[in-house]
N, C-alpha and C. Protein backbone atom coordinates (compact mmCIF):
# COMPACT_ATOMS: atom_id res chain seq x y z
N MET A 1 -4.05 0.75 10.82
CA MET A 1 -3.88 -0.31 9.83
C MET A 1 -4.17 -1.58 10.25
N VAL A 2 -4.87 -2.39 9.84
CA VAL A 2 -5.43 -3.90 10.09
C VAL A 2 -5.22 -4.34 9.04
N TYR A 3 -4.22 -5.96 9.14
CA TYR A 3 -4.57 -6.92 8.21
C TYR A 3 -5.49 -7.94 8.33
N ASN A 4 -6.43 -7.77 6.87
CA ASN A 4 -7.40 -9.10 6.87
C ASN A 4 -6.45 -9.75 6.00
N ALA A 5 -6.81 -11.11 6.82
CA ALA A 5 -5.96 -12.06 6.30
C ALA A 5 -7.02 -13.05 5.24
N ALA A 6 -8.43 -12.50 5.39
CA ALA A 6 -9.16 -13.44 4.37
C ALA A 6 -8.88 -12.74 3.04
N GLU A 7 -8.81 -11.72 3.07
CA GLU A 7 -8.90 -10.61 1.88
C GLU A 7 -7.34 -10.45 1.57
N ASN A 8 -6.17 -10.93 1.89
CA ASN A 8 -4.96 -10.28 2.10
C ASN A 8 -4.89 -9.09 1.44
N SER A 9 -5.48 -8.25 2.40
CA SER A 9 -5.71 -6.91 1.88
C SER A 9 -5.14 -6.27 3.58
N PHE A 10 -4.86 -4.71 3.68
CA PHE A 10 -4.87 -4.32 4.55
C PHE A 10 -5.99 -2.80 4.75
N GLU A 11 -6.83 -2.96 5.86
CA GLU A 11 -7.90 -2.06 5.95
C GLU A 11 -7.13 -0.57 6.79
N THR A 12 -7.45 0.64 6.22
CA THR A 12 -6.79 1.96 6.23
C THR A 12 -8.24 2.55 6.67
N ASN A 13 -7.68 3.68 7.31
CA ASN A 13 -8.64 4.90 7.68
C ASN A 13 -8.68 5.94 6.64
N PRO A 14 -9.85 6.36 6.23
CA PRO A 14 -9.68 7.15 4.58
C PRO A 14 -8.92 8.11 5.24
N GLY A 15 -8.73 9.37 4.06
CA GLY A 15 -7.64 10.28 4.67
C GLY A 15 -6.53 10.65 3.42
N ILE A 16 -5.99 11.53 3.44
CA ILE A 16 -4.90 12.11 2.14
C ILE A 16 -3.67 11.07 2.27
N ILE A 17 -3.55 10.40 1.16
CA ILE A 17 -2.18 9.26 1.21
C ILE A 17 -0.79 10.27 0.55
N GLN A 18 -0.18 10.54 1.69
CA GLN A 18 1.03 11.10 1.35
C GLN A 18 2.43 10.41 1.72
N TYR A 19 3.33 10.47 0.69
CA TYR A 19 4.50 9.84 0.78
C TYR A 19 5.48 10.59 1.46
N PRO A 20 6.16 10.61 2.54
CA PRO A 20 7.41 10.88 2.74
C PRO A 20 8.64 10.68 1.94
N ALA A 21 9.69 11.47 1.90
CA ALA A 21 11.06 11.39 1.40
C ALA A 21 11.47 9.73 1.92
N THR A 22 11.37 9.22 2.96
CA THR A 22 12.13 8.16 3.16
C THR A 22 11.40 7.04 2.61
N LEU A 23 10.37 7.04 2.02
CA LEU A 23 9.63 5.96 1.18
C LEU A 23 10.23 5.51 -0.21
N LYS A 24 11.13 4.74 -0.43
CA LYS A 24 11.71 4.45 -1.81
C LYS A 24 11.61 3.29 -2.03
N PRO A 25 10.39 2.49 -2.30
CA PRO A 25 10.07 1.45 -2.85
C PRO A 25 10.81 1.12 -4.15
N THR A 26 10.69 0.17 -4.92
CA THR A 26 11.42 0.28 -6.13
C THR A 26 10.83 1.09 -7.19
N SER A 27 9.44 1.17 -7.07
CA SER A 27 8.51 1.34 -8.00
C SER A 27 7.48 2.27 -7.10
N LEU A 28 6.86 3.59 -7.94
CA LEU A 28 5.61 4.17 -7.01
C LEU A 28 4.76 4.57 -8.35
N GLN A 29 3.58 4.19 -8.42
CA GLN A 29 3.03 5.08 -9.11
C GLN A 29 1.47 4.81 -9.29
N SER A 30 0.74 5.63 -9.96
CA SER A 30 -0.48 5.72 -9.87
C SER A 30 -1.24 5.41 -11.15
N ASP A 31 -2.72 4.81 -11.10
CA ASP A 31 -3.13 4.69 -12.49
C ASP A 31 -4.40 5.56 -12.68
N ALA A 32 -5.15 5.45 -13.52
CA ALA A 32 -6.07 6.16 -13.90
C ALA A 32 -7.16 6.00 -13.08
N ALA A 33 -7.73 5.40 -12.27
CA ALA A 33 -8.73 5.30 -11.17
C ALA A 33 -8.26 5.66 -9.84
N GLY A 34 -6.67 6.51 -9.80
CA GLY A 34 -6.18 6.50 -8.54
C GLY A 34 -5.59 5.69 -7.46
N ASN A 35 -5.95 4.72 -8.14
CA ASN A 35 -5.02 3.23 -7.32
C ASN A 35 -3.51 3.46 -7.44
N ILE A 36 -2.88 3.12 -6.60
CA ILE A 36 -1.63 3.71 -6.23
C ILE A 36 -0.61 2.05 -6.31
N LEU A 37 -0.06 1.96 -6.88
CA LEU A 37 0.96 0.56 -7.12
C LEU A 37 2.17 0.45 -6.56
N ILE A 38 2.88 -0.46 -5.51
CA ILE A 38 4.13 -0.44 -5.06
C ILE A 38 4.67 -1.33 -5.40
N ARG A 39 5.77 -1.39 -6.28
CA ARG A 39 6.36 -2.75 -6.55
C ARG A 39 7.80 -2.61 -5.65
N SER A 40 7.68 -4.06 -4.83
CA SER A 40 9.18 -3.93 -4.29
C SER A 40 9.52 -5.19 -4.35
N LYS A 41 10.88 -5.78 -3.56
CA LYS A 41 11.67 -6.94 -3.84
C LYS A 41 10.78 -7.91 -3.93
N SER A 42 9.43 -7.92 -2.80
CA SER A 42 8.55 -9.36 -3.21
C SER A 42 7.75 -9.21 -4.03
N GLY A 43 7.45 -8.09 -4.79
CA GLY A 43 6.47 -8.35 -5.76
C GLY A 43 5.60 -6.93 -6.04
N LEU A 44 4.57 -7.16 -6.07
CA LEU A 44 3.41 -5.41 -6.65
C LEU A 44 2.17 -5.60 -5.65
N GLY A 45 1.99 -4.66 -4.55
CA GLY A 45 0.69 -4.34 -3.83
C GLY A 45 -0.20 -3.04 -4.79
N VAL A 46 -1.24 -3.08 -4.55
CA VAL A 46 -2.02 -1.92 -4.73
C VAL A 46 -2.74 -1.52 -3.71
N PHE A 47 -2.61 -0.43 -3.75
CA PHE A 47 -3.57 0.68 -2.36
C PHE A 47 -4.69 0.99 -3.27
N SER A 48 -5.97 0.57 -2.98
CA SER A 48 -7.18 0.60 -3.74
C SER A 48 -7.72 2.13 -2.77
N ALA A 49 -7.37 3.16 -3.57
CA ALA A 49 -8.02 4.55 -3.23
C ALA A 49 -9.70 4.60 -2.53
N LYS A 50 -10.20 3.86 -3.80
CA LYS A 50 -11.65 3.78 -2.94
C LYS A 50 -11.95 3.02 -2.46
N MET A 51 -11.35 1.71 -2.30
CA MET A 51 -11.98 1.21 -0.89
C MET A 51 -11.00 0.82 0.45
N LYS A 52 -9.87 2.33 0.36
CA LYS A 52 -8.80 2.54 1.13
C LYS A 52 -8.31 1.12 1.92
N ARG A 53 -8.01 0.15 0.91
CA ARG A 53 -7.17 -1.10 1.08
C ARG A 53 -6.10 -1.46 0.70
N TYR A 54 -5.41 -2.05 1.02
CA TYR A 54 -3.94 -2.45 0.64
C TYR A 54 -3.73 -3.88 -0.15
N TYR A 55 -3.89 -4.44 -1.15
CA TYR A 55 -3.71 -5.53 -1.90
C TYR A 55 -2.36 -6.26 -1.79
N SER A 56 -1.95 -7.22 -1.40
CA SER A 56 -0.21 -7.52 -1.44
C SER A 56 -0.39 -8.83 -2.06
N ALA A 57 0.45 -8.54 -3.28
CA ALA A 57 0.32 -9.89 -4.02
C ALA A 57 2.18 -10.64 -3.81
N GLY A 58 2.28 -10.28 -2.70
CA GLY A 58 3.83 -10.44 -2.13
C GLY A 58 4.10 -10.78 -0.78
N ASP A 59 5.35 -11.07 -0.06
CA ASP A 59 5.38 -11.10 1.31
C ASP A 59 4.65 -9.95 2.04
N VAL A 60 3.97 -10.54 3.09
CA VAL A 60 2.92 -9.72 3.84
C VAL A 60 3.94 -8.71 4.71
N SER A 61 4.44 -9.19 5.40
CA SER A 61 5.47 -8.27 6.41
C SER A 61 6.09 -7.41 5.81
N GLU A 62 6.83 -7.51 4.35
CA GLU A 62 7.70 -6.88 3.62
C GLU A 62 6.79 -5.29 3.29
N PHE A 63 5.37 -5.62 2.91
CA PHE A 63 4.55 -4.52 2.41
C PHE A 63 3.72 -3.85 3.75
N GLN A 64 3.48 -4.52 4.51
CA GLN A 64 3.40 -3.99 6.26
C GLN A 64 4.21 -3.32 6.38
N ALA A 65 5.53 -3.71 6.12
CA ALA A 65 6.68 -2.56 6.75
C ALA A 65 6.94 -1.09 5.46
N THR A 66 6.70 -1.76 4.37
CA THR A 66 6.50 -0.39 3.40
C THR A 66 5.35 0.60 3.47
N LEU A 67 4.42 -0.16 4.02
CA LEU A 67 3.23 0.70 4.29
C LEU A 67 3.39 1.56 5.69
N GLN A 68 3.67 1.37 6.54
CA GLN A 68 4.02 1.66 7.88
C GLN A 68 4.97 3.00 7.68
N LYS A 69 5.57 3.18 6.59
CA LYS A 69 6.49 4.54 6.05
C LYS A 69 5.74 5.47 5.57
N VAL A 70 4.16 5.03 5.24
CA VAL A 70 3.18 5.92 4.63
C VAL A 70 2.96 6.78 5.44
N ALA A 71 2.56 8.30 5.69
CA ALA A 71 1.94 8.99 6.85
C ALA A 71 0.19 9.17 6.01
N ASP A 72 -0.20 9.33 7.48
CA ASP A 72 -1.71 10.19 7.02
C ASP A 72 -2.48 8.77 5.91
N ILE A 73 -2.54 7.52 6.14
CA ILE A 73 -3.36 6.72 5.42
C ILE A 73 -4.54 6.00 6.28
């Protein structure tokens, strides 16, 4: 996973997105387009299934820590 500061996003490798039981963000849901929304203490982030990127609208370090708990992305 690589953070792209210019786009405020994390670029990931294509693959199956799996969430282990240890991942407990405030809210975890997906929309009709397959984008995964992760809400945490500092704001809302969106993982784009099509682009394989995670866009952060909150604290970068917190979202990065949350994403590193996600397996196989």
